[in-house]
Amino acid sequence: MDLRQLRYFAMVAAERNFNKAAERLHMAQPPLSRSIQQLEAELGTDLIDRTSRPLSLTPMGQIFHDQAIQVLRRMDDMRAMMQAAVATEKRRFTIGFVASTIYARLPALIREFRAALPDVELTLVESTTLDQIAALKEGRIDIGFGRIRFEDPAVRRTVLRREPLIAAVPLGSPLGRDGNPVSLSVLAREKLILYPSAPRPSYADQVLSLFHDNGLTPNVVHEARELQIAIGLVAAEEGIAIIPESVRRARTDDVRYLELAEPAYSPIIMSHRVGDFSPEIVAFMRIIARKYSDWNYAVPEALIAE
């Protein structure tokens, strides 16, 4: 039994004549008759009383007809529902990001993406770089922006730029009042506020490596969960923090920002699945390339190639 047979039977029941039903179905009468006979043989009972004129349904045929009409109506409703859903369905695109990239021009890139692809349903998910790698592989996000280098054969990684690092110090601190950059050796004697506290590895390890690479051991007194907590602790004169340069936009009334005497950088890394060059991925890459050019940033070769 299949839907085709149900439709044939419903048409015969409506027309009460095989020839008229065949005409309505745009088919010959013999195949229609054979289809009804096959259906009756499968059910083990006659559905149509062929001795009456016009044709009529047997008692079992009436029961079957009521059920067949319900099934056909349900199928029609399902088809209409799916057609409407497909017609209105938006493509979905999910972006993962670490908190500090919000200050590094990411909002402007997202605005450009929304303007360029207004029919795409965009979702933003804050997550660590490590979580982004897992989310990319599982299909929970489509593109990620982080700061930590992770090697994974399933993920393509592009360093968009290397952002300068600066020091955030309390407004009342004597550090940097002479207008000169502050050295890491001086900062190593200060109380250091590190973030994030977990999971590791993270941006916190980049900061620790910066001191260790210069033969210094920092005095870590706080490990904050997130960037804004770290900046708040600096404002409370609990210590100093090493932050990406773009974060200076976050707070200016009770925190001072100083350049480092030793140049230091943190990468901004874009990640997506290997081989995934969907229209949304390609569009985002082109937007980054165009906006980076507008901002006088060096445009990564990987974006130009795409």
C-alpha atoms as a PDB file:
ATOM      1  CA  MET A   1       0.000   0.000   0.000  1.00  0.00           C
ATOM      2  CA  ASP A   2       1.280   3.463  -0.878  1.00  0.00           C
ATOM      3  CA  LEU A   3       0.007   7.024  -1.075  1.00  0.00           C
ATOM      4  CA  ARG A   4      -0.571   6.705  -4.817  1.00  0.00           C
ATOM      5  CA  GLN A   5      -3.042   3.883  -4.235  1.00  0.00           C
ATOM      6  CA  LEU A   6      -4.797   5.897  -1.532  1.00  0.00           C
ATOM      7  CA  ARG A   7      -5.245   8.816  -3.909  1.00  0.00           C
ATOM      8  CA  TYR A   8      -6.541   6.521  -6.666  1.00  0.00           C
ATOM      9  CA  PHE A   9      -9.046   4.933  -4.291  1.00  0.00           C
ATOM     10  CA  ALA A  10     -10.214   8.334  -2.955  1.00  0.00           C
ATOM     11  CA  MET A  11     -10.772   9.573  -6.526  1.00  0.00           C
ATOM     12  CA  VAL A  12     -12.811   6.490  -7.497  1.00  0.00           C
ATOM     13  CA  ALA A  13     -14.882   6.896  -4.335  1.00  0.00           C
ATOM     14  CA  ALA A  14     -15.500  10.567  -5.168  1.00  0.00           C
ATOM     15  CA  GLU A  15     -16.413   9.994  -8.839  1.00  0.00           C
ATOM     16  CA  ARG A  16     -18.168   6.621  -8.358  1.00  0.00           C
ATOM     17  CA  ASN A  17     -16.934   5.690 -11.812  1.00  0.00           C
ATOM     18  CA  PHE A  18     -13.597   4.270 -12.944  1.00  0.00           C
ATOM     19  CA  ASN A  19     -13.567   6.095 -16.288  1.00  0.00           C
ATOM     20  CA  LYS A  20     -14.295   9.507 -14.774  1.00  0.00           C
ATOM     21  CA  ALA A  21     -11.766   8.895 -12.008  1.00  0.00           C
ATOM     22  CA  ALA A  22      -9.134   7.935 -14.606  1.00  0.00           C
ATOM     23  CA  GLU A  23      -9.812  11.153 -16.507  1.00  0.00           C
ATOM     24  CA  ARG A  24      -9.410  13.225 -13.351  1.00  0.00           C
ATOM     25  CA  LEU A  25      -6.158  11.424 -12.602  1.00  0.00           C
ATOM     26  CA  HIS A  26      -4.920  11.842 -16.203  1.00  0.00           C
ATOM     27  CA  MET A  27      -4.380   8.137 -16.666  1.00  0.00           C
ATOM     28  CA  ALA A  28      -5.931   5.198 -18.495  1.00  0.00           C
ATOM     29  CA  GLN A  29      -8.748   3.244 -16.888  1.00  0.00           C
ATOM     30  CA  PRO A  30      -7.145  -0.275 -16.896  1.00  0.00           C
ATOM     31  CA  PRO A  31      -4.102   0.691 -14.760  1.00  0.00           C
ATOM     32  CA  LEU A  32      -6.447   2.430 -12.320  1.00  0.00           C
ATOM     33  CA  SER A  33      -8.619  -0.676 -12.003  1.00  0.00           C
ATOM     34  CA  ARG A  34      -5.544  -2.897 -11.500  1.00  0.00           C
ATOM     35  CA  SER A  35      -4.240  -0.588  -8.759  1.00  0.00           C
ATOM     36  CA  ILE A  36      -7.540  -0.796  -6.841  1.00  0.00           C
ATOM     37  CA  GLN A  37      -7.623  -4.563  -7.270  1.00  0.00           C
ATOM     38  CA  GLN A  38      -4.060  -4.828  -5.892  1.00  0.00           C
ATOM     39  CA  LEU A  39      -5.059  -2.699  -2.917  1.00  0.00           C
ATOM     40  CA  GLU A  40      -8.088  -4.924  -2.243  1.00  0.00           C
ATOM     41  CA  ALA A  41      -5.949  -8.051  -2.545  1.00  0.00           C
ATOM     42  CA  GLU A  42      -3.463  -6.636  -0.028  1.00  0.00           C
ATOM     43  CA  LEU A  43      -6.239  -5.784   2.437  1.00  0.00           C
ATOM     44  CA  GLY A  44      -8.056  -9.071   1.842  1.00  0.00           C
ATOM     45  CA  THR A  45     -11.461  -7.505   1.239  1.00  0.00           C
ATOM     46  CA  ASP A  46     -13.503  -5.749  -1.435  1.00  0.00           C
ATOM     47  CA  LEU A  47     -13.588  -1.985  -1.075  1.00  0.00           C
ATOM     48  CA  ILE A  48     -15.867  -1.166  -4.022  1.00  0.00           C
ATOM     49  CA  ASP A  49     -19.214  -2.721  -4.921  1.00  0.00           C
ATOM     50  CA  ARG A  50     -18.824  -3.013  -8.688  1.00  0.00           C
ATOM     51  CA  THR A  51     -22.361  -4.360  -9.190  1.00  0.00           C
ATOM     52  CA  SER A  52     -24.018  -1.082  -8.266  1.00  0.00           C
ATOM     53  CA  ARG A  53     -24.515   1.818 -10.633  1.00  0.00           C
ATOM     54  CA  PRO A  54     -23.025   4.191  -9.878  1.00  0.00           C
ATOM     55  CA  LEU A  55     -20.283   2.420  -7.981  1.00  0.00           C
ATOM     56  CA  SER A  56     -20.541   2.421  -4.206  1.00  0.00           C
ATOM     57  CA  LEU A  57     -18.241   1.558  -1.334  1.00  0.00           C
ATOM     58  CA  THR A  58     -18.643  -1.648   0.612  1.00  0.00           C
ATOM     59  CA  PRO A  59     -18.927  -1.332   4.427  1.00  0.00           C
ATOM     60  CA  MET A  60     -15.191  -2.126   4.676  1.00  0.00           C
ATOM     61  CA  GLY A  61     -14.537   0.310   1.838  1.00  0.00           C
ATOM     62  CA  GLN A  62     -16.286   3.086   3.793  1.00  0.00           C
ATOM     63  CA  ILE A  63     -14.095   2.430   6.847  1.00  0.00           C
ATOM     64  CA  PHE A  64     -10.980   2.399   4.687  1.00  0.00           C
ATOM     65  CA  HIS A  65     -12.112   5.559   2.864  1.00  0.00           C
ATOM     66  CA  ASP A  66     -12.462   7.516   6.117  1.00  0.00           C
ATOM     67  CA  GLN A  67      -8.942   6.553   7.163  1.00  0.00           C
ATOM     68  CA  ALA A  68      -7.482   7.182   3.699  1.00  0.00           C
ATOM     69  CA  ILE A  69      -8.922  10.717   3.600  1.00  0.00           C
ATOM     70  CA  GLN A  70      -7.355  11.502   6.982  1.00  0.00           C
ATOM     71  CA  VAL A  71      -3.965  10.242   5.825  1.00  0.00           C
ATOM     72  CA  LEU A  72      -4.126  12.209   2.551  1.00  0.00           C
ATOM     73  CA  ARG A  73      -5.173  15.400   4.329  1.00  0.00           C
ATOM     74  CA  ARG A  74      -2.349  14.971   6.824  1.00  0.00           C
ATOM     75  CA  MET A  75       0.124  14.517   3.989  1.00  0.00           C
ATOM     76  CA  ASP A  76      -1.200  17.629   2.234  1.00  0.00           C
ATOM     77  CA  ASP A  77      -0.898  19.611   5.471  1.00  0.00           C
ATOM     78  CA  MET A  78       2.627  18.342   5.979  1.00  0.00           C
ATOM     79  CA  ARG A  79       3.607  19.252   2.415  1.00  0.00           C
ATOM     80  CA  ALA A  80       2.149  22.758   2.767  1.00  0.00           C
ATOM     81  CA  MET A  81       3.870  23.262   6.101  1.00  0.00           C
ATOM     82  CA  MET A  82       7.270  22.212   4.748  1.00  0.00           C
ATOM     83  CA  GLN A  83       6.894  24.343   1.634  1.00  0.00           C
ATOM     84  CA  ALA A  84       6.112  27.365   3.799  1.00  0.00           C
ATOM     85  CA  ALA A  85       9.044  26.593   6.105  1.00  0.00           C
ATOM     86  CA  VAL A  86      11.458  26.230   3.205  1.00  0.00           C
ATOM     87  CA  ALA A  87      10.198  29.473   1.673  1.00  0.00           C
ATOM     88  CA  THR A  88      10.782  31.420   4.889  1.00  0.00           C
ATOM     89  CA  GLU A  89      13.812  29.598   6.240  1.00  0.00           C
ATOM     90  CA  LYS A  90      16.872  31.770   6.762  1.00  0.00           C
ATOM     91  CA  ARG A  91      20.368  30.500   6.382  1.00  0.00           C
ATOM     92  CA  ARG A  92      22.099  30.357   9.729  1.00  0.00           C
ATOM     93  CA  PHE A  93      25.629  31.470  10.553  1.00  0.00           C
ATOM     94  CA  THR A  94      27.166  31.256  14.021  1.00  0.00           C
ATOM     95  CA  ILE A  95      30.253  33.188  15.145  1.00  0.00           C
ATOM     96  CA  GLY A  96      32.325  32.220  18.177  1.00  0.00           C
ATOM     97  CA  PHE A  97      34.559  34.820  19.775  1.00  0.00           C
ATOM     98  CA  VAL A  98      36.740  35.443  22.816  1.00  0.00           C
ATOM     99  CA  ALA A  99      35.778  38.522  24.816  1.00  0.00           C
ATOM    100  CA  SER A 100      38.777  40.679  23.924  1.00  0.00           C
ATOM    101  CA  THR A 101      38.103  40.468  20.168  1.00  0.00           C
ATOM    102  CA  ILE A 102      34.921  42.496  20.712  1.00  0.00           C
ATOM    103  CA  TYR A 103      37.212  45.506  21.182  1.00  0.00           C
ATOM    104  CA  ALA A 104      39.358  44.606  18.176  1.00  0.00           C
ATOM    105  CA  ARG A 105      37.002  45.767  15.394  1.00  0.00           C
ATOM    106  CA  LEU A 106      34.891  42.597  15.432  1.00  0.00           C
ATOM    107  CA  PRO A 107      31.601  44.521  15.926  1.00  0.00           C
ATOM    108  CA  ALA A 108      32.292  46.595  12.796  1.00  0.00           C
ATOM    109  CA  LEU A 109      32.923  43.424  10.798  1.00  0.00           C
ATOM    110  CA  ILE A 110      29.680  41.907  12.077  1.00  0.00           C
ATOM    111  CA  ARG A 111      27.729  45.036  11.089  1.00  0.00           C
ATOM    112  CA  GLU A 112      29.165  44.830   7.584  1.00  0.00           C
ATOM    113  CA  PHE A 113      28.237  41.144   7.381  1.00  0.00           C
ATOM    114  CA  ARG A 114      24.648  41.849   8.452  1.00  0.00           C
ATOM    115  CA  ALA A 115      24.348  44.573   5.843  1.00  0.00           C
ATOM    116  CA  ALA A 116      25.814  42.388   3.097  1.00  0.00           C
ATOM    117  CA  LEU A 117      23.755  39.281   3.923  1.00  0.00           C
ATOM    118  CA  PRO A 118      20.502  40.482   5.522  1.00  0.00           C
ATOM    119  CA  ASP A 119      18.760  37.138   4.924  1.00  0.00           C
ATOM    120  CA  VAL A 120      21.265  35.221   7.044  1.00  0.00           C
ATOM    121  CA  GLU A 121      20.278  34.567  10.656  1.00  0.00           C
ATOM    122  CA  LEU A 122      23.398  35.497  12.636  1.00  0.00           C
ATOM    123  CA  THR A 123      24.182  34.122  16.095  1.00  0.00           C
ATOM    124  CA  LEU A 124      27.083  35.191  18.329  1.00  0.00           C
ATOM    125  CA  VAL A 125      28.573  32.866  20.950  1.00  0.00           C
ATOM    126  CA  GLU A 126      31.245  33.943  23.428  1.00  0.00           C
ATOM    127  CA  SER A 127      33.655  31.069  24.022  1.00  0.00           C
ATOM    128  CA  THR A 128      37.313  30.345  24.581  1.00  0.00           C
ATOM    129  CA  THR A 129      39.549  29.495  21.670  1.00  0.00           C
ATOM    130  CA  LEU A 130      39.742  25.877  22.821  1.00  0.00           C
ATOM    131  CA  ASP A 131      35.952  25.629  22.989  1.00  0.00           C
ATOM    132  CA  GLN A 132      35.718  27.164  19.522  1.00  0.00           C
ATOM    133  CA  ILE A 133      37.828  24.376  18.042  1.00  0.00           C
ATOM    134  CA  ALA A 134      35.483  21.733  19.445  1.00  0.00           C
ATOM    135  CA  ALA A 135      32.414  23.749  18.390  1.00  0.00           C
ATOM    136  CA  LEU A 136      33.713  24.082  14.828  1.00  0.00           C
ATOM    137  CA  LYS A 137      34.314  20.351  14.524  1.00  0.00           C
ATOM    138  CA  GLU A 138      30.862  19.571  15.919  1.00  0.00           C
ATOM    139  CA  GLY A 139      29.147  22.136  13.666  1.00  0.00           C
ATOM    140  CA  ARG A 140      27.913  24.325  16.539  1.00  0.00           C
ATOM    141  CA  ILE A 141      29.675  27.399  15.149  1.00  0.00           C
ATOM    142  CA  ASP A 142      30.805  28.269  11.610  1.00  0.00           C
ATOM    143  CA  ILE A 143      33.690  30.637  12.304  1.00  0.00           C
ATOM    144  CA  GLY A 144      35.708  31.554  15.387  1.00  0.00           C
ATOM    145  CA  PHE A 145      37.833  34.467  16.514  1.00  0.00           C
ATOM    146  CA  GLY A 146      40.387  33.811  19.238  1.00  0.00           C
ATOM    147  CA  ARG A 147      43.954  34.466  20.318  1.00  0.00           C
ATOM    148  CA  ILE A 148      45.473  31.057  21.026  1.00  0.00           C
ATOM    149  CA  ARG A 149      47.167  28.885  18.410  1.00  0.00           C
ATOM    150  CA  PHE A 150      45.813  25.352  18.356  1.00  0.00           C
ATOM    151  CA  GLU A 151      46.800  22.754  15.786  1.00  0.00           C
ATOM    152  CA  ASP A 152      43.970  20.592  14.516  1.00  0.00           C
ATOM    153  CA  PRO A 153      43.835  18.973  11.074  1.00  0.00           C
ATOM    154  CA  ALA A 154      40.087  19.631  10.842  1.00  0.00           C
ATOM    155  CA  VAL A 155      40.405  23.384  11.430  1.00  0.00           C
ATOM    156  CA  ARG A 156      41.913  26.030   9.176  1.00  0.00           C
ATOM    157  CA  ARG A 157      43.561  28.865  11.082  1.00  0.00           C
ATOM    158  CA  THR A 158      44.391  32.353   9.769  1.00  0.00           C
ATOM    159  CA  VAL A 159      46.231  34.982  11.807  1.00  0.00           C
ATOM    160  CA  LEU A 160      44.436  38.205  10.888  1.00  0.00           C
ATOM    161  CA  ARG A 161      46.807  40.529  12.702  1.00  0.00           C
ATOM    162  CA  ARG A 162      49.169  40.757  15.644  1.00  0.00           C
ATOM    163  CA  GLU A 163      47.719  43.253  18.100  1.00  0.00           C
ATOM    164  CA  PRO A 164      50.130  45.241  20.322  1.00  0.00           C
ATOM    165  CA  LEU A 165      49.943  44.601  24.059  1.00  0.00           C
ATOM    166  CA  ILE A 166      49.836  47.421  26.602  1.00  0.00           C
ATOM    167  CA  ALA A 167      49.732  47.738  30.388  1.00  0.00           C
ATOM    168  CA  ALA A 168      46.626  48.779  32.295  1.00  0.00           C
ATOM    169  CA  VAL A 169      47.544  50.484  35.581  1.00  0.00           C
ATOM    170  CA  PRO A 170      45.479  52.258  38.258  1.00  0.00           C
ATOM    171  CA  LEU A 171      44.902  55.943  37.572  1.00  0.00           C
ATOM    172  CA  GLY A 172      46.764  56.900  40.743  1.00  0.00           C
ATOM    173  CA  SER A 173      49.831  54.770  39.953  1.00  0.00           C
ATOM    174  CA  PRO A 174      53.140  56.599  39.442  1.00  0.00           C
ATOM    175  CA  LEU A 175      53.912  54.233  36.550  1.00  0.00           C
ATOM    176  CA  GLY A 176      54.230  55.974  33.210  1.00  0.00           C
ATOM    177  CA  ARG A 177      53.627  59.481  34.463  1.00  0.00           C
ATOM    178  CA  ASP A 178      56.743  60.596  32.663  1.00  0.00           C
ATOM    179  CA  GLY A 179      55.039  59.713  29.379  1.00  0.00           C
ATOM    180  CA  ASN A 180      57.563  57.009  28.517  1.00  0.00           C
ATOM    181  CA  PRO A 181      56.757  53.356  27.806  1.00  0.00           C
ATOM    182  CA  VAL A 182      57.035  51.092  30.827  1.00  0.00           C
ATOM    183  CA  SER A 183      59.432  48.154  30.860  1.00  0.00           C
ATOM    184  CA  LEU A 184      58.499  44.614  31.738  1.00  0.00           C
ATOM    185  CA  SER A 185      61.169  44.567  34.439  1.00  0.00           C
ATOM    186  CA  VAL A 186      59.309  47.384  36.221  1.00  0.00           C
ATOM    187  CA  LEU A 187      55.948  45.688  35.739  1.00  0.00           C
ATOM    188  CA  ALA A 188      57.344  42.418  37.126  1.00  0.00           C
ATOM    189  CA  ARG A 189      57.723  44.144  40.506  1.00  0.00           C
ATOM    190  CA  GLU A 190      54.034  45.115  40.489  1.00  0.00           C
ATOM    191  CA  LYS A 191      51.115  42.911  41.478  1.00  0.00           C
ATOM    192  CA  LEU A 192      49.910  41.234  38.270  1.00  0.00           C
ATOM    193  CA  ILE A 193      46.273  40.498  37.517  1.00  0.00           C
ATOM    194  CA  LEU A 194      46.009  37.620  35.080  1.00  0.00           C
ATOM    195  CA  TYR A 195      43.020  36.528  33.016  1.00  0.00           C
ATOM    196  CA  PRO A 196      41.320  34.234  32.230  1.00  0.00           C
ATOM    197  CA  SER A 197      41.828  31.926  35.179  1.00  0.00           C
ATOM    198  CA  ALA A 198      40.504  28.882  33.272  1.00  0.00           C
ATOM    199  CA  PRO A 199      40.530  26.948  31.059  1.00  0.00           C
ATOM    200  CA  ARG A 200      44.184  26.743  30.084  1.00  0.00           C
ATOM    201  CA  PRO A 201      46.078  27.211  27.853  1.00  0.00           C
ATOM    202  CA  SER A 202      44.727  30.693  27.255  1.00  0.00           C
ATOM    203  CA  TYR A 203      45.671  34.344  26.835  1.00  0.00           C
ATOM    204  CA  ALA A 204      46.982  34.201  30.416  1.00  0.00           C
ATOM    205  CA  ASP A 205      49.775  31.902  29.232  1.00  0.00           C
ATOM    206  CA  GLN A 206      50.739  34.418  26.539  1.00  0.00           C
ATOM    207  CA  VAL A 207      51.220  37.045  29.253  1.00  0.00           C
ATOM    208  CA  LEU A 208      53.258  34.699  31.438  1.00  0.00           C
ATOM    209  CA  SER A 209      55.417  33.735  28.453  1.00  0.00           C
ATOM    210  CA  LEU A 210      56.030  37.429  27.742  1.00  0.00           C
ATOM    211  CA  PHE A 211      57.655  37.849  31.158  1.00  0.00           C
ATOM    212  CA  HIS A 212      59.432  34.492  31.117  1.00  0.00           C
ATOM    213  CA  ASP A 213      60.901  35.129  27.652  1.00  0.00           C
ATOM    214  CA  ASN A 214      62.522  38.226  29.100  1.00  0.00           C
ATOM    215  CA  GLY A 215      63.935  36.332  32.077  1.00  0.00           C
ATOM    216  CA  LEU A 216      61.372  37.757  34.501  1.00  0.00           C
ATOM    217  CA  THR A 217      59.059  36.177  37.047  1.00  0.00           C
ATOM    218  CA  PRO A 218      55.843  38.148  37.490  1.00  0.00           C
ATOM    219  CA  ASN A 219      54.134  38.585  40.846  1.00  0.00           C
ATOM    220  CA  VAL A 220      50.714  37.113  40.100  1.00  0.00           C
ATOM    221  CA  VAL A 221      48.211  38.053  42.808  1.00  0.00           C
ATOM    222  CA  HIS A 222      44.863  37.572  41.032  1.00  0.00           C
ATOM    223  CA  GLU A 223      43.609  35.271  38.323  1.00  0.00           C
ATOM    224  CA  ALA A 224      40.346  36.807  37.098  1.00  0.00           C
ATOM    225  CA  ARG A 225      37.706  34.813  35.222  1.00  0.00           C
ATOM    226  CA  GLU A 226      37.325  37.384  32.475  1.00  0.00           C
ATOM    227  CA  LEU A 227      38.684  40.576  30.976  1.00  0.00           C
ATOM    228  CA  GLN A 228      36.232  43.041  32.536  1.00  0.00           C
ATOM    229  CA  ILE A 229      36.875  41.662  36.027  1.00  0.00           C
ATOM    230  CA  ALA A 230      40.617  42.103  35.462  1.00  0.00           C
ATOM    231  CA  ILE A 231      40.145  45.740  34.393  1.00  0.00           C
ATOM    232  CA  GLY A 232      37.871  46.323  37.376  1.00  0.00           C
ATOM    233  CA  LEU A 233      40.541  44.971  39.728  1.00  0.00           C
ATOM    234  CA  VAL A 234      43.072  47.337  38.161  1.00  0.00           C
ATOM    235  CA  ALA A 235      40.690  50.251  38.782  1.00  0.00           C
ATOM    236  CA  ALA A 236      40.409  49.086  42.406  1.00  0.00           C
ATOM    237  CA  GLU A 237      44.217  49.391  42.670  1.00  0.00           C
ATOM    238  CA  GLU A 238      44.631  45.647  43.164  1.00  0.00           C
ATOM    239  CA  GLY A 239      47.393  45.465  40.572  1.00  0.00           C
ATOM    240  CA  ILE A 240      48.233  45.907  36.898  1.00  0.00           C
ATOM    241  CA  ALA A 241      47.239  43.879  33.831  1.00  0.00           C
ATOM    242  CA  ILE A 242      48.716  43.237  30.408  1.00  0.00           C
ATOM    243  CA  ILE A 243      45.961  43.625  27.821  1.00  0.00           C
ATOM    244  CA  PRO A 244      45.506  43.920  24.034  1.00  0.00           C
ATOM    245  CA  GLU A 245      45.746  47.526  22.863  1.00  0.00           C
ATOM    246  CA  SER A 246      42.128  47.663  21.640  1.00  0.00           C
ATOM    247  CA  VAL A 247      40.817  47.031  25.159  1.00  0.00           C
ATOM    248  CA  ARG A 248      41.804  50.553  26.200  1.00  0.00           C
ATOM    249  CA  ARG A 249      38.396  51.598  24.830  1.00  0.00           C
ATOM    250  CA  ALA A 250      36.676  49.638  27.598  1.00  0.00           C
ATOM    251  CA  ARG A 251      37.458  51.942  30.538  1.00  0.00           C
ATOM    252  CA  THR A 252      39.237  55.277  30.757  1.00  0.00           C
ATOM    253  CA  ASP A 253      38.006  57.133  33.835  1.00  0.00           C
ATOM    254  CA  ASP A 254      39.959  55.244  36.502  1.00  0.00           C
ATOM    255  CA  VAL A 255      42.508  53.221  34.532  1.00  0.00           C
ATOM    256  CA  ARG A 256      45.581  54.449  32.647  1.00  0.00           C
ATOM    257  CA  TYR A 257      47.070  52.617  29.669  1.00  0.00           C
ATOM    258  CA  LEU A 258      50.787  52.496  29.000  1.00  0.00           C
ATOM    259  CA  GLU A 259      52.813  51.298  26.040  1.00  0.00           C
ATOM    260  CA  LEU A 260      55.405  48.613  26.727  1.00  0.00           C
ATOM    261  CA  ALA A 261      59.100  49.324  26.261  1.00  0.00           C
ATOM    262  CA  GLU A 262      59.531  45.798  24.878  1.00  0.00           C
ATOM    263  CA  PRO A 263      57.243  45.323  21.852  1.00  0.00           C
ATOM    264  CA  ALA A 264      54.781  42.505  22.485  1.00  0.00           C
ATOM    265  CA  TYR A 265      51.810  41.233  20.520  1.00  0.00           C
ATOM    266  CA  SER A 266      48.809  38.946  20.769  1.00  0.00           C
ATOM    267  CA  PRO A 267      47.440  37.396  17.565  1.00  0.00           C
ATOM    268  CA  ILE A 268      43.833  37.689  16.446  1.00  0.00           C
ATOM    269  CA  ILE A 269      43.095  34.335  14.835  1.00  0.00           C
ATOM    270  CA  MET A 270      40.187  33.398  12.601  1.00  0.00           C
ATOM    271  CA  SER A 271      39.305  29.696  12.448  1.00  0.00           C
ATOM    272  CA  HIS A 272      36.868  27.691  10.357  1.00  0.00           C
ATOM    273  CA  ARG A 273      36.456  24.109   9.202  1.00  0.00           C
ATOM    274  CA  VAL A 274      38.894  22.854   6.592  1.00  0.00           C
ATOM    275  CA  GLY A 275      37.219  22.838   3.186  1.00  0.00           C
ATOM    276  CA  ASP A 276      34.295  24.988   4.340  1.00  0.00           C
ATOM    277  CA  PHE A 277      33.984  27.841   1.871  1.00  0.00           C
ATOM    278  CA  SER A 278      30.273  28.459   2.150  1.00  0.00           C
ATOM    279  CA  PRO A 279      28.927  31.756   0.780  1.00  0.00           C
ATOM    280  CA  GLU A 280      28.845  33.089   4.344  1.00  0.00           C
ATOM    281  CA  ILE A 281      32.483  32.162   5.056  1.00  0.00           C
ATOM    282  CA  VAL A 282      33.661  33.670   1.769  1.00  0.00           C
ATOM    283  CA  ALA A 283      31.611  36.823   2.388  1.00  0.00           C
ATOM    284  CA  PHE A 284      33.086  37.267   5.866  1.00  0.00           C
ATOM    285  CA  MET A 285      36.620  36.851   4.530  1.00  0.00           C
ATOM    286  CA  ARG A 286      36.019  39.455   1.844  1.00  0.00           C
ATOM    287  CA  ILE A 287      34.562  41.852   4.389  1.00  0.00           C
ATOM    288  CA  ILE A 288      37.625  41.435   6.629  1.00  0.00           C
ATOM    289  CA  ALA A 289      39.957  42.057   3.681  1.00  0.00           C
ATOM    290  CA  ARG A 290      38.060  45.181   2.637  1.00  0.00           C
ATOM    291  CA  LYS A 291      37.734  46.651   6.112  1.00  0.00           C
ATOM    292  CA  TYR A 292      41.352  45.881   7.014  1.00  0.00           C
ATOM    293  CA  SER A 293      42.380  47.792   3.917  1.00  0.00           C
ATOM    294  CA  ASP A 294      40.156  50.703   4.995  1.00  0.00           C
ATOM    295  CA  TRP A 295      41.762  50.670   8.454  1.00  0.00           C
ATOM    296  CA  ASN A 296      45.279  50.489   6.976  1.00  0.00           C
ATOM    297  CA  TYR A 297      45.887  47.045   8.448  1.00  0.00           C
ATOM    298  CA  ALA A 298      47.938  44.538   6.505  1.00  0.00           C
ATOM    299  CA  VAL A 299      45.540  42.159   4.734  1.00  0.00           C
ATOM    300  CA  PRO A 300      46.515  38.481   5.256  1.00  0.00           C
ATOM    301  CA  GLU A 301      47.456  36.695   2.037  1.00  0.00           C
ATOM    302  CA  ALA A 302      44.981  33.925   2.841  1.00  0.00           C
ATOM    303  CA  LEU A 303      42.109  36.412   2.579  1.00  0.00           C
ATOM    304  CA  ILE A 304      43.371  37.913  -0.663  1.00  0.00           C
ATOM    305  CA  ALA A 305      43.658  34.417  -2.162  1.00  0.00           C
ATOM    306  CA  GLU A 306      40.013  33.729  -1.373  1.00  0.00           C
END
